[in-house]
PDB file of N, CA and C in Angstrom:
ATOM      1  N   MET A   1       0.827  -1.190   0.000  1.00  0.00           N
ATOM      2  CA  MET A   1       0.000   0.000   0.000  1.00  0.00           C
ATOM      3  C   MET A   1       0.865   1.245   0.000  1.00  0.00           C
ATOM      4  N   LYS A   2       1.951   1.240   0.825  1.00  0.00           N
ATOM      5  CA  LYS A   2       2.847   2.391   0.860  1.00  0.00           C
ATOM      6  C   LYS A   2       3.513   2.597  -0.495  1.00  0.00           C
ATOM      7  N   THR A   3       3.836   1.510  -1.180  1.00  0.00           N
ATOM      8  CA  THR A   3       4.493   1.605  -2.481  1.00  0.00           C
ATOM      9  C   THR A   3       3.566   2.253  -3.505  1.00  0.00           C
ATOM     10  N   VAL A   4       2.307   1.810  -3.508  1.00  0.00           N
ATOM     11  CA  VAL A   4       1.326   2.387  -4.432  1.00  0.00           C
ATOM     12  C   VAL A   4       1.143   3.870  -4.134  1.00  0.00           C
ATOM     13  N   PHE A   5       1.058   4.198  -2.870  1.00  0.00           N
ATOM     14  CA  PHE A   5       0.907   5.592  -2.466  1.00  0.00           C
ATOM     15  C   PHE A   5       2.106   6.430  -2.920  1.00  0.00           C
ATOM     16  N   LEU A   6       3.319   5.928  -2.748  1.00  0.00           N
ATOM     17  CA  LEU A   6       4.533   6.649  -3.154  1.00  0.00           C
ATOM     18  C   LEU A   6       4.597   6.811  -4.673  1.00  0.00           C
ATOM     19  N   VAL A   7       4.217   5.770  -5.403  1.00  0.00           N
ATOM     20  CA  VAL A   7       4.210   5.853  -6.871  1.00  0.00           C
ATOM     21  C   VAL A   7       3.183   6.897  -7.314  1.00  0.00           C
ATOM     22  N   LEU A   8       2.016   6.859  -6.714  1.00  0.00           N
ATOM     23  CA  LEU A   8       0.975   7.838  -7.044  1.00  0.00           C
ATOM     24  C   LEU A   8       1.431   9.249  -6.708  1.00  0.00           C
ATOM     25  N   LEU A   9       2.028   9.434  -5.562  1.00  0.00           N
ATOM     26  CA  LEU A   9       2.541  10.736  -5.133  1.00  0.00           C
ATOM     27  C   LEU A   9       3.634  11.225  -6.080  1.00  0.00           C
ATOM     28  N   ALA A  10       4.539  10.345  -6.466  1.00  0.00           N
ATOM     29  CA  ALA A  10       5.617  10.707  -7.390  1.00  0.00           C
ATOM     30  C   ALA A  10       5.044  11.088  -8.749  1.00  0.00           C
ATOM     31  N   THR A  11       4.048  10.345  -9.223  1.00  0.00           N
ATOM     32  CA  THR A  11       3.416  10.635 -10.512  1.00  0.00           C
ATOM     33  C   THR A  11       2.737  11.999 -10.478  1.00  0.00           C
ATOM     34  N   LEU A  12       2.014  12.276  -9.428  1.00  0.00           N
ATOM     35  CA  LEU A  12       1.353  13.575  -9.292  1.00  0.00           C
ATOM     36  C   LEU A  12       2.362  14.706  -9.190  1.00  0.00           C
ATOM     37  N   GLY A  13       3.441  14.460  -8.470  1.00  0.00           N
ATOM     38  CA  GLY A  13       4.482  15.482  -8.332  1.00  0.00           C
ATOM     39  C   GLY A  13       5.134  15.808  -9.655  1.00  0.00           C
ATOM     40  N   LEU A  14       5.414  14.780 -10.453  1.00  0.00           N
ATOM     41  CA  LEU A  14       6.038  15.010 -11.764  1.00  0.00           C
ATOM     42  C   LEU A  14       5.079  15.684 -12.730  1.00  0.00           C
ATOM     43  N   SER A  15       3.820  15.272 -12.712  1.00  0.00           N
ATOM     44  CA  SER A  15       2.873  15.897 -13.630  1.00  0.00           C
ATOM     45  C   SER A  15       2.615  17.346 -13.219  1.00  0.00           C
ATOM     46  N   GLY A  16       2.657  17.640 -11.939  1.00  0.00           N
ATOM     47  CA  GLY A  16       2.505  19.018 -11.475  1.00  0.00           C
ATOM     48  C   GLY A  16       3.673  19.868 -11.917  1.00  0.00           C
ATOM     49  N   GLN A  17       4.878  19.305 -11.910  1.00  0.00           N
ATOM     50  CA  GLN A  17       6.059  20.045 -12.345  1.00  0.00           C
ATOM     51  C   GLN A  17       5.974  20.334 -13.837  1.00  0.00           C
ATOM     52  N   ALA A  18       5.528  19.355 -14.621  1.00  0.00           N
ATOM     53  CA  ALA A  18       5.402  19.559 -16.063  1.00  0.00           C
ATOM     54  C   ALA A  18       4.365  20.647 -16.344  1.00  0.00           C
ATOM     55  N   SER A  19       3.285  20.656 -15.591  1.00  0.00           N
ATOM     56  CA  SER A  19       2.255  21.680 -15.800  1.00  0.00           C
ATOM     57  C   SER A  19       2.793  23.063 -15.478  1.00  0.00           C
ATOM     58  N   ALA A  20       3.587  23.175 -14.418  1.00  0.00           N
ATOM     59  CA  ALA A  20       4.168  24.468 -14.066  1.00  0.00           C
ATOM     60  C   ALA A  20       5.108  24.945 -15.164  1.00  0.00           C
ATOM     61  N   GLU A  21       5.886  24.029 -15.731  1.00  0.00           N
ATOM     62  CA  GLU A  21       6.781  24.406 -16.828  1.00  0.00           C
ATOM     63  C   GLU A  21       5.983  24.844 -18.042  1.00  0.00           C
ATOM     64  N   ASP A  22       4.878  24.160 -18.334  1.00  0.00           N
ATOM     65  CA  ASP A  22       4.042  24.527 -19.465  1.00  0.00           C
ATOM     66  C   ASP A  22       3.460  25.922 -19.295  1.00  0.00           C
ATOM     67  N   LEU A  23       3.139  26.277 -18.058  1.00  0.00           N
ATOM     68  CA  LEU A  23       2.590  27.610 -17.814  1.00  0.00           C
ATOM     69  C   LEU A  23       3.608  28.714 -18.084  1.00  0.00           C
ATOM     70  N   LEU A  24       4.886  28.388 -17.953  1.00  0.00           N
ATOM     71  CA  LEU A  24       5.921  29.384 -18.190  1.00  0.00           C
ATOM     72  C   LEU A  24       6.235  29.570 -19.674  1.00  0.00           C
ATOM     73  N   LYS A  25       5.822  28.630 -20.498  1.00  0.00           N
ATOM     74  CA  LYS A  25       6.074  28.727 -21.938  1.00  0.00           C
ATOM     75  C   LYS A  25       5.087  29.701 -22.558  1.00  0.00           C
ATOM     76  N   PRO A  26       5.540  30.501 -23.543  1.00  0.00           N
ATOM     77  CA  PRO A  26       4.605  31.420 -24.197  1.00  0.00           C
ATOM     78  C   PRO A  26       3.546  30.638 -24.967  1.00  0.00           C
ATOM     79  N   SER A  27       2.328  31.131 -24.944  1.00  0.00           N
ATOM     80  CA  SER A  27       1.243  30.439 -25.623  1.00  0.00           C
ATOM     81  C   SER A  27       1.199  30.777 -27.110  1.00  0.00           C
ATOM     82  N   THR A  28       1.840  31.853 -27.508  1.00  0.00           N
ATOM     83  CA  THR A  28       1.898  32.224 -28.917  1.00  0.00           C
ATOM     84  C   THR A  28       3.335  32.512 -29.300  1.00  0.00           C
ATOM     85  N   THR A  29       3.589  32.461 -30.580  1.00  0.00           N
ATOM     86  CA  THR A  29       4.920  32.770 -31.081  1.00  0.00           C
ATOM     87  C   THR A  29       5.084  34.281 -31.100  1.00  0.00           C
ATOM     88  N   PRO A  30       6.196  34.803 -30.563  1.00  0.00           N
ATOM     89  CA  PRO A  30       6.383  36.250 -30.596  1.00  0.00           C
ATOM     90  C   PRO A  30       6.518  36.740 -32.032  1.00  0.00           C
ATOM     91  N   PRO A  31       6.131  37.985 -32.320  1.00  0.00           N
ATOM     92  CA  PRO A  31       6.232  38.498 -33.681  1.00  0.00           C
ATOM     93  C   PRO A  31       7.694  38.594 -34.110  1.00  0.00           C
ATOM     94  N   THR A  32       7.928  38.383 -35.400  1.00  0.00           N
ATOM     95  CA  THR A  32       9.276  38.508 -35.940  1.00  0.00           C
ATOM     96  C   THR A  32       9.598  39.971 -36.173  1.00  0.00           C
ATOM     97  N   VAL A  33      10.863  40.256 -36.435  1.00  0.00           N
ATOM     98  CA  VAL A  33      11.283  41.630 -36.730  1.00  0.00           C
ATOM     99  C   VAL A  33      10.545  42.139 -37.956  1.00  0.00           C
ATOM    100  N   ASP A  34      10.366  41.277 -38.972  1.00  0.00           N
ATOM    101  CA  ASP A  34       9.650  41.677 -40.179  1.00  0.00           C
ATOM    102  C   ASP A  34       8.191  42.006 -39.882  1.00  0.00           C
ATOM    103  N   ASP A  35       7.571  41.233 -38.976  1.00  0.00           N
ATOM    104  CA  ASP A  35       6.186  41.519 -38.603  1.00  0.00           C
ATOM    105  C   ASP A  35       6.062  42.877 -37.942  1.00  0.00           C
ATOM    106  N   VAL A  36       6.988  43.174 -37.044  1.00  0.00           N
ATOM    107  CA  VAL A  36       6.953  44.456 -36.341  1.00  0.00           C
ATOM    108  C   VAL A  36       7.188  45.591 -37.334  1.00  0.00           C
ATOM    109  N   ALA A  37       8.170  45.410 -38.221  1.00  0.00           N
ATOM    110  CA  ALA A  37       8.464  46.450 -39.218  1.00  0.00           C
ATOM    111  C   ALA A  37       7.279  46.671 -40.138  1.00  0.00           C
ATOM    112  N   ALA A  38       6.535  45.619 -40.401  1.00  0.00           N
ATOM    113  CA  ALA A  38       5.388  45.726 -41.282  1.00  0.00           C
ATOM    114  C   ALA A  38       4.134  46.164 -40.548  1.00  0.00           C
ATOM    115  N   GLY A  39       4.243  46.337 -39.260  1.00  0.00           N
ATOM    116  CA  GLY A  39       3.082  46.765 -38.490  1.00  0.00           C
ATOM    117  C   GLY A  39       2.135  45.647 -38.170  1.00  0.00           C
ATOM    118  N   ASN A  40       2.606  44.427 -38.156  1.00  0.00           N
ATOM    119  CA  ASN A  40       1.749  43.291 -37.895  1.00  0.00           C
ATOM    120  C   ASN A  40       1.809  42.818 -36.462  1.00  0.00           C
ATOM    121  N   SER A  41       2.384  43.559 -35.577  1.00  0.00           N
ATOM    122  CA  SER A  41       2.462  43.168 -34.175  1.00  0.00           C
ATOM    123  C   SER A  41       1.075  43.246 -33.556  1.00  0.00           C
ATOM    124  N   LEU A  42       0.807  42.395 -32.570  1.00  0.00           N
ATOM    125  CA  LEU A  42      -0.498  42.396 -31.920  1.00  0.00           C
ATOM    126  C   LEU A  42      -0.759  43.695 -31.171  1.00  0.00           C
ATOM    127  N   GLU A  43       0.307  44.387 -30.747  1.00  0.00           N
ATOM    128  CA  GLU A  43       0.143  45.596 -29.956  1.00  0.00           C
ATOM    129  C   GLU A  43      -0.102  46.840 -30.802  1.00  0.00           C
ATOM    130  N   THR A  44       0.050  46.753 -32.109  1.00  0.00           N
ATOM    131  CA  THR A  44      -0.049  47.937 -32.946  1.00  0.00           C
ATOM    132  C   THR A  44      -1.389  47.993 -33.661  1.00  0.00           C
ATOM    133  N   GLU A  45      -1.708  49.176 -34.132  1.00  0.00           N
ATOM    134  CA  GLU A  45      -2.886  49.348 -34.963  1.00  0.00           C
ATOM    135  C   GLU A  45      -2.615  48.695 -36.315  1.00  0.00           C
ATOM    136  N   PRO A  46      -3.645  48.483 -37.113  1.00  0.00           N
ATOM    137  CA  PRO A  46      -3.407  47.963 -38.453  1.00  0.00           C
ATOM    138  C   PRO A  46      -2.526  48.934 -39.244  1.00  0.00           C
ATOM    139  N   ALA A  47      -1.685  48.392 -40.101  1.00  0.00           N
ATOM    140  CA  ALA A  47      -0.830  49.229 -40.933  1.00  0.00           C
ATOM    141  C   ALA A  47      -1.341  49.163 -42.361  1.00  0.00           C
ATOM    142  N   TYR A  48      -1.348  50.306 -43.017  1.00  0.00           N
ATOM    143  CA  TYR A  48      -1.810  50.411 -44.390  1.00  0.00           C
ATOM    144  C   TYR A  48      -0.615  50.667 -45.291  1.00  0.00           C
ATOM    145  N   ARG A  49      -0.627  50.075 -46.476  1.00  0.00           N
ATOM    146  CA  ARG A  49       0.497  50.162 -47.404  1.00  0.00           C
ATOM    147  C   ARG A  49       0.214  51.217 -48.463  1.00  0.00           C
ATOM    148  N   ALA A  50       1.278  51.954 -48.816  1.00  0.00           N
ATOM    149  CA  ALA A  50       1.164  52.947 -49.880  1.00  0.00           C
ATOM    150  C   ALA A  50       2.527  53.136 -50.531  1.00  0.00           C
ATOM    151  N   GLU A  51       2.513  53.731 -51.708  1.00  0.00           N
ATOM    152  CA  GLU A  51       3.736  54.088 -52.419  1.00  0.00           C
ATOM    153  C   GLU A  51       3.622  55.549 -52.806  1.00  0.00           C
ATOM    154  N   GLY A  52       4.778  56.212 -52.875  1.00  0.00           N
ATOM    155  CA  GLY A  52       4.743  57.615 -53.248  1.00  0.00           C
ATOM    156  C   GLY A  52       6.129  58.183 -53.436  1.00  0.00           C
ATOM    157  N   VAL A  53       6.185  59.520 -53.492  1.00  0.00           N
ATOM    158  CA  VAL A  53       7.436  60.246 -53.673  1.00  0.00           C
ATOM    159  C   VAL A  53       7.547  61.281 -52.561  1.00  0.00           C
ATOM    160  N   ILE A  54       8.720  61.322 -51.934  1.00  0.00           N
ATOM    161  CA  ILE A  54       8.934  62.286 -50.851  1.00  0.00           C
ATOM    162  C   ILE A  54       9.001  63.692 -51.435  1.00  0.00           C
ATOM    163  N   ARG A  55       8.180  64.586 -50.896  1.00  0.00           N
ATOM    164  CA  ARG A  55       8.146  65.983 -51.335  1.00  0.00           C
ATOM    165  C   ARG A  55       8.881  66.900 -50.366  1.00  0.00           C
ATOM    166  N   ALA A  56       8.881  66.565 -49.068  1.00  0.00           N
ATOM    167  CA  ALA A  56       9.551  67.408 -48.068  1.00  0.00           C
ATOM    168  C   ALA A  56       9.888  66.558 -46.853  1.00  0.00           C
ATOM    169  N   ILE A  57      10.977  66.944 -46.176  1.00  0.00           N
ATOM    170  CA  ILE A  57      11.385  66.282 -44.936  1.00  0.00           C
ATOM    171  C   ILE A  57      11.604  67.362 -43.891  1.00  0.00           C
ATOM    172  N   ASP A  58      10.985  67.221 -42.738  1.00  0.00           N
ATOM    173  CA  ASP A  58      11.183  68.138 -41.627  1.00  0.00           C
ATOM    174  C   ASP A  58      11.672  67.323 -40.429  1.00  0.00           C
ATOM    175  N   ALA A  59      12.994  67.222 -40.321  1.00  0.00           N
ATOM    176  CA  ALA A  59      13.588  66.407 -39.259  1.00  0.00           C
ATOM    177  C   ALA A  59      13.252  66.957 -37.877  1.00  0.00           C
ATOM    178  N   GLN A  60      13.167  68.282 -37.752  1.00  0.00           N
ATOM    179  CA  GLN A  60      12.852  68.881 -36.441  1.00  0.00           C
ATOM    180  C   GLN A  60      11.454  68.487 -35.966  1.00  0.00           C
ATOM    181  N   GLN A  61      10.508  68.496 -36.869  1.00  0.00           N
ATOM    182  CA  GLN A  61       9.129  68.150 -36.518  1.00  0.00           C
ATOM    183  C   GLN A  61       8.884  66.644 -36.556  1.00  0.00           C
ATOM    184  N   GLY A  62       9.824  65.897 -37.151  1.00  0.00           N
ATOM    185  CA  GLY A  62       9.652  64.449 -37.276  1.00  0.00           C
ATOM    186  C   GLY A  62       8.564  64.097 -38.263  1.00  0.00           C
ATOM    187  N   THR A  63       8.552  64.813 -39.403  1.00  0.00           N
ATOM    188  CA  THR A  63       7.546  64.531 -40.422  1.00  0.00           C
ATOM    189  C   THR A  63       8.189  64.426 -41.799  1.00  0.00           C
ATOM    190  N   VAL A  64       7.499  63.719 -42.652  1.00  0.00           N
ATOM    191  CA  VAL A  64       7.889  63.611 -44.054  1.00  0.00           C
ATOM    192  C   VAL A  64       6.607  63.802 -44.861  1.00  0.00           C
ATOM    193  N   THR A  65       6.661  64.648 -45.887  1.00  0.00           N
ATOM    194  CA  THR A  65       5.506  64.880 -46.737  1.00  0.00           C
ATOM    195  C   THR A  65       5.664  64.016 -47.976  1.00  0.00           C
ATOM    196  N   ILE A  66       4.632  63.228 -48.256  1.00  0.00           N
ATOM    197  CA  ILE A  66       4.696  62.267 -49.357  1.00  0.00           C
ATOM    198  C   ILE A  66       3.504  62.465 -50.285  1.00  0.00           C
ATOM    199  N   ALA A  67       3.795  62.501 -51.588  1.00  0.00           N
ATOM    200  CA  ALA A  67       2.741  62.451 -52.606  1.00  0.00           C
ATOM    201  C   ALA A  67       2.504  60.965 -52.851  1.00  0.00           C
ATOM    202  N   HIS A  68       1.406  60.437 -52.330  1.00  0.00           N
ATOM    203  CA  HIS A  68       1.175  58.993 -52.408  1.00  0.00           C
ATOM    204  C   HIS A  68      -0.035  58.658 -53.260  1.00  0.00           C
ATOM    205  N   GLY A  69      -0.064  57.409 -53.684  1.00  0.00           N
ATOM    206  CA  GLY A  69      -1.195  56.909 -54.454  1.00  0.00           C
ATOM    207  C   GLY A  69      -2.378  56.630 -53.554  1.00  0.00           C
ATOM    208  N   PRO A  70      -3.465  56.123 -54.139  1.00  0.00           N
ATOM    209  CA  PRO A  70      -4.667  55.828 -53.350  1.00  0.00           C
ATOM    210  C   PRO A  70      -4.413  54.753 -52.288  1.00  0.00           C
ATOM    211  N   VAL A  71      -5.184  54.838 -51.211  1.00  0.00           N
ATOM    212  CA  VAL A  71      -5.157  53.818 -50.159  1.00  0.00           C
ATOM    213  C   VAL A  71      -6.592  53.278 -50.075  1.00  0.00           C
ATOM    214  N   PRO A  72      -6.883  52.221 -50.852  1.00  0.00           N
ATOM    215  CA  PRO A  72      -8.269  51.731 -50.949  1.00  0.00           C
ATOM    216  C   PRO A  72      -8.884  51.322 -49.613  1.00  0.00           C
ATOM    217  N   GLU A  73      -8.079  50.740 -48.715  1.00  0.00           N
ATOM    218  CA  GLU A  73      -8.625  50.291 -47.429  1.00  0.00           C
ATOM    219  C   GLU A  73      -9.216  51.434 -46.612  1.00  0.00           C
ATOM    220  N   LEU A  74      -8.680  52.631 -46.808  1.00  0.00           N
ATOM    221  CA  LEU A  74      -9.182  53.801 -46.078  1.00  0.00           C
ATOM    222  C   LEU A  74     -10.066  54.691 -46.958  1.00  0.00           C
ATOM    223  N   LYS A  75     -10.226  54.276 -48.209  1.00  0.00           N
ATOM    224  CA  LYS A  75     -10.988  55.054 -49.198  1.00  0.00           C
ATOM    225  C   LYS A  75     -10.362  56.426 -49.418  1.00  0.00           C
ATOM    226  N   TRP A  76      -9.019  56.477 -49.373  1.00  0.00           N
ATOM    227  CA  TRP A  76      -8.294  57.725 -49.618  1.00  0.00           C
ATOM    228  C   TRP A  76      -7.903  57.797 -51.085  1.00  0.00           C
ATOM    229  N   PRO A  77      -8.096  58.931 -51.715  1.00  0.00           N
ATOM    230  CA  PRO A  77      -7.581  59.105 -53.077  1.00  0.00           C
ATOM    231  C   PRO A  77      -6.081  59.416 -53.008  1.00  0.00           C
ATOM    232  N   ALA A  78      -5.457  59.478 -54.168  1.00  0.00           N
ATOM    233  CA  ALA A  78      -4.059  59.920 -54.216  1.00  0.00           C
ATOM    234  C   ALA A  78      -4.014  61.356 -53.699  1.00  0.00           C
ATOM    235  N   MET A  79      -2.980  61.678 -52.909  1.00  0.00           N
ATOM    236  CA  MET A  79      -2.860  63.032 -52.354  1.00  0.00           C
ATOM    237  C   MET A  79      -1.452  63.273 -51.840  1.00  0.00           C
ATOM    238  N   VAL A  80      -1.196  64.511 -51.447  1.00  0.00           N
ATOM    239  CA  VAL A  80       0.074  64.896 -50.823  1.00  0.00           C
ATOM    240  C   VAL A  80      -0.240  65.218 -49.375  1.00  0.00           C
ATOM    241  N   MET A  81       0.479  64.557 -48.445  1.00  0.00           N
ATOM    242  CA  MET A  81       0.189  64.786 -47.032  1.00  0.00           C
ATOM    243  C   MET A  81       1.395  64.471 -46.168  1.00  0.00           C
ATOM    244  N   PRO A  82       1.449  65.058 -44.965  1.00  0.00           N
ATOM    245  CA  PRO A  82       2.553  64.771 -44.040  1.00  0.00           C
ATOM    246  C   PRO A  82       2.263  63.520 -43.220  1.00  0.00           C
ATOM    247  N   PHE A  83       3.323  62.821 -42.877  1.00  0.00           N
ATOM    248  CA  PHE A  83       3.266  61.657 -41.998  1.00  0.00           C
ATOM    249  C   PHE A  83       4.297  61.843 -40.909  1.00  0.00           C
ATOM    250  N   LYS A  84       3.984  61.429 -39.695  1.00  0.00           N
ATOM    251  CA  LYS A  84       4.962  61.444 -38.610  1.00  0.00           C
ATOM    252  C   LYS A  84       5.837  60.205 -38.733  1.00  0.00           C
ATOM    253  N   LEU A  85       7.094  60.324 -38.288  1.00  0.00           N
ATOM    254  CA  LEU A  85       7.987  59.184 -38.250  1.00  0.00           C
ATOM    255  C   LEU A  85       9.112  59.459 -37.286  1.00  0.00           C
ATOM    256  N   ASP A  86       9.806  58.402 -36.878  1.00  0.00           N
ATOM    257  CA  ASP A  86      10.950  58.537 -35.982  1.00  0.00           C
ATOM    258  C   ASP A  86      12.145  59.052 -36.768  1.00  0.00           C
ATOM    259  N   ALA A  87      13.002  59.805 -36.103  1.00  0.00           N
ATOM    260  CA  ALA A  87      14.189  60.362 -36.755  1.00  0.00           C
ATOM    261  C   ALA A  87      15.052  59.266 -37.372  1.00  0.00           C
ATOM    262  N   ALA A  88      15.123  58.105 -36.735  1.00  0.00           N
ATOM    263  CA  ALA A  88      15.936  57.001 -37.257  1.00  0.00           C
ATOM    264  C   ALA A  88      15.434  56.529 -38.621  1.00  0.00           C
ATOM    265  N   GLN A  89      14.144  56.674 -38.884  1.00  0.00           N
ATOM    266  CA  GLN A  89      13.573  56.243 -40.155  1.00  0.00           C
ATOM    267  C   GLN A  89      13.959  57.165 -41.311  1.00  0.00           C
ATOM    268  N   LEU A  90      14.443  58.364 -40.996  1.00  0.00           N
ATOM    269  CA  LEU A  90      14.826  59.315 -42.037  1.00  0.00           C
ATOM    270  C   LEU A  90      16.166  58.994 -42.680  1.00  0.00           C
ATOM    271  N   GLY A  91      16.949  58.135 -42.049  1.00  0.00           N
ATOM    272  CA  GLY A  91      18.285  57.813 -42.544  1.00  0.00           C
ATOM    273  C   GLY A  91      18.262  57.329 -43.979  1.00  0.00           C
ATOM    274  N   GLY A  92      19.019  57.992 -44.847  1.00  0.00           N
ATOM    275  CA  GLY A  92      19.130  57.588 -46.240  1.00  0.00           C
ATOM    276  C   GLY A  92      18.005  58.071 -47.139  1.00  0.00           C
ATOM    277  N   LEU A  93      17.038  58.780 -46.595  1.00  0.00           N
ATOM    278  CA  LEU A  93      15.935  59.281 -47.415  1.00  0.00           C
ATOM    279  C   LEU A  93      16.179  60.727 -47.814  1.00  0.00           C
ATOM    280  N   ALA A  94      15.723  61.083 -49.016  1.00  0.00           N
ATOM    281  CA  ALA A  94      15.894  62.448 -49.504  1.00  0.00           C
ATOM    282  C   ALA A  94      14.660  62.863 -50.308  1.00  0.00           C
ATOM    283  N   VAL A  95      14.463  64.154 -50.434  1.00  0.00           N
ATOM    284  CA  VAL A  95      13.370  64.684 -51.244  1.00  0.00           C
ATOM    285  C   VAL A  95      13.545  64.159 -52.670  1.00  0.00           C
ATOM    286  N   GLY A  96      12.452  63.685 -53.253  1.00  0.00           N
ATOM    287  CA  GLY A  96      12.478  63.129 -54.602  1.00  0.00           C
ATOM    288  C   GLY A  96      12.573  61.613 -54.641  1.00  0.00           C
ATOM    289  N   ASP A  97      12.868  60.978 -53.499  1.00  0.00           N
ATOM    290  CA  ASP A  97      12.954  59.512 -53.454  1.00  0.00           C
ATOM    291  C   ASP A  97      11.575  58.886 -53.613  1.00  0.00           C
ATOM    292  N   ALA A  98      11.494  57.862 -54.461  1.00  0.00           N
ATOM    293  CA  ALA A  98      10.286  57.040 -54.539  1.00  0.00           C
ATOM    294  C   ALA A  98      10.364  56.054 -53.382  1.00  0.00           C
ATOM    295  N   VAL A  99       9.285  55.929 -52.628  1.00  0.00           N
ATOM    296  CA  VAL A  99       9.277  55.080 -51.439  1.00  0.00           C
ATOM    297  C   VAL A  99       8.032  54.217 -51.399  1.00  0.00           C
ATOM    298  N   GLU A 100       8.168  53.107 -50.709  1.00  0.00           N
ATOM    299  CA  GLU A 100       7.003  52.342 -50.298  1.00  0.00           C
ATOM    300  C   GLU A 100       6.997  52.411 -48.786  1.00  0.00           C
ATOM    301  N   PHE A 101       5.812  52.488 -48.194  1.00  0.00           N
ATOM    302  CA  PHE A 101       5.742  52.638 -46.744  1.00  0.00           C
ATOM    303  C   PHE A 101       4.460  52.046 -46.207  1.00  0.00           C
ATOM    304  N   ARG A 102       4.487  51.829 -44.905  1.00  0.00           N
ATOM    305  CA  ARG A 102       3.305  51.383 -44.175  1.00  0.00           C
ATOM    306  C   ARG A 102       3.079  52.375 -43.042  1.00  0.00           C
ATOM    307  N   PHE A 103       1.829  52.631 -42.747  1.00  0.00           N
ATOM    308  CA  PHE A 103       1.520  53.606 -41.705  1.00  0.00           C
ATOM    309  C   PHE A 103       0.296  53.172 -40.926  1.00  0.00           C
ATOM    310  N   SER A 104       0.259  53.612 -39.669  1.00  0.00           N
ATOM    311  CA  SER A 104      -0.936  53.384 -38.866  1.00  0.00           C
ATOM    312  C   SER A 104      -1.842  54.579 -39.103  1.00  0.00           C
ATOM    313  N   ASN A 105      -3.112  54.335 -39.062  1.00  0.00           N
ATOM    314  CA  ASN A 105      -4.068  55.390 -39.368  1.00  0.00           C
ATOM    315  C   ASN A 105      -4.398  56.175 -38.116  1.00  0.00           C
ATOM    316  N   GLY A 106      -3.752  57.308 -37.962  1.00  0.00           N
ATOM    317  CA  GLY A 106      -4.057  58.175 -36.851  1.00  0.00           C
ATOM    318  C   GLY A 106      -5.047  59.246 -37.254  1.00  0.00           C
ATOM    319  N   GLU A 107      -5.662  59.099 -38.428  1.00  0.00           N
ATOM    320  CA  GLU A 107      -6.594  60.075 -38.995  1.00  0.00           C
ATOM    321  C   GLU A 107      -5.989  61.474 -39.097  1.00  0.00           C
ATOM    322  N   MET A 108      -5.750  62.121 -37.977  1.00  0.00           N
ATOM    323  CA  MET A 108      -5.219  63.481 -38.014  1.00  0.00           C
ATOM    324  C   MET A 108      -3.705  63.514 -38.173  1.00  0.00           C
ATOM    325  N   ASP A 109      -3.009  62.471 -37.732  1.00  0.00           N
ATOM    326  CA  ASP A 109      -1.551  62.447 -37.836  1.00  0.00           C
ATOM    327  C   ASP A 109      -1.055  61.014 -37.999  1.00  0.00           C
ATOM    328  N   PRO A 110      -1.217  60.444 -39.200  1.00  0.00           N
ATOM    329  CA  PRO A 110      -0.781  59.068 -39.428  1.00  0.00           C
ATOM    330  C   PRO A 110       0.719  58.911 -39.153  1.00  0.00           C
ATOM    331  N   GLN A 111       1.086  57.786 -38.578  1.00  0.00           N
ATOM    332  CA  GLN A 111       2.467  57.497 -38.180  1.00  0.00           C
ATOM    333  C   GLN A 111       3.034  56.418 -39.097  1.00  0.00           C
ATOM    334  N   ILE A 112       4.170  56.696 -39.713  1.00  0.00           N
ATOM    335  CA  ILE A 112       4.844  55.695 -40.540  1.00  0.00           C
ATOM    336  C   ILE A 112       5.475  54.660 -39.615  1.00  0.00           C
ATOM    337  N   VAL A 113       5.213  53.380 -39.908  1.00  0.00           N
ATOM    338  CA  VAL A 113       5.802  52.302 -39.125  1.00  0.00           C
ATOM    339  C   VAL A 113       6.914  51.601 -39.905  1.00  0.00           C
ATOM    340  N   PHE A 114       6.949  51.801 -41.231  1.00  0.00           N
ATOM    341  CA  PHE A 114       7.983  51.205 -42.079  1.00  0.00           C
ATOM    342  C   PHE A 114       8.089  52.047 -43.345  1.00  0.00           C
ATOM    343  N   ILE A 115       9.320  52.330 -43.765  1.00  0.00           N
ATOM    344  CA  ILE A 115       9.522  53.072 -45.008  1.00  0.00           C
ATOM    345  C   ILE A 115      10.842  52.646 -45.621  1.00  0.00           C
ATOM    346  N   ARG A 116      10.846  52.524 -46.961  1.00  0.00           N
ATOM    347  CA  ARG A 116      12.098  52.234 -47.663  1.00  0.00           C
ATOM    348  C   ARG A 116      12.037  52.782 -49.081  1.00  0.00           C
ATOM    349  N   ARG A 117      13.220  53.107 -49.580  1.00  0.00           N
ATOM    350  CA  ARG A 117      13.341  53.583 -50.954  1.00  0.00           C
ATOM    351  C   ARG A 117      13.048  52.450 -51.909  1.00  0.00           C
ATOM    352  N   GLN A 118      12.459  52.780 -53.044  1.00  0.00           N
ATOM    353  CA  GLN A 118      12.190  51.758 -54.067  1.00  0.00           C
ATOM    354  C   GLN A 118      13.334  51.698 -55.043  1.00  0.00           C
TER     355      GLN A 118
END
């Protein structure tokens, strides 16, 4: 009887340890660097894709003005408008560059989450 009890106790102890380890494992795969750059992280707003040409850069204000094509998901026609971005994203960009970019829709001040020269 003691042997059965010890085996049962040991089995429960081991299964409890495995369950505790399982609880420490992430339940989802963390986003990749490409997902974050593309705005696909779970913590971010949806990102919309557009292409255009840089018309102006204001590093002090952290904005770039882009003449972009239509954005069907937002029902936006082609237009020229400013976008906010981080200073680090300005590296290598110049007025006149054709770019593709993704932005979160802030309505009044959309934020670029990814930008690169074409």
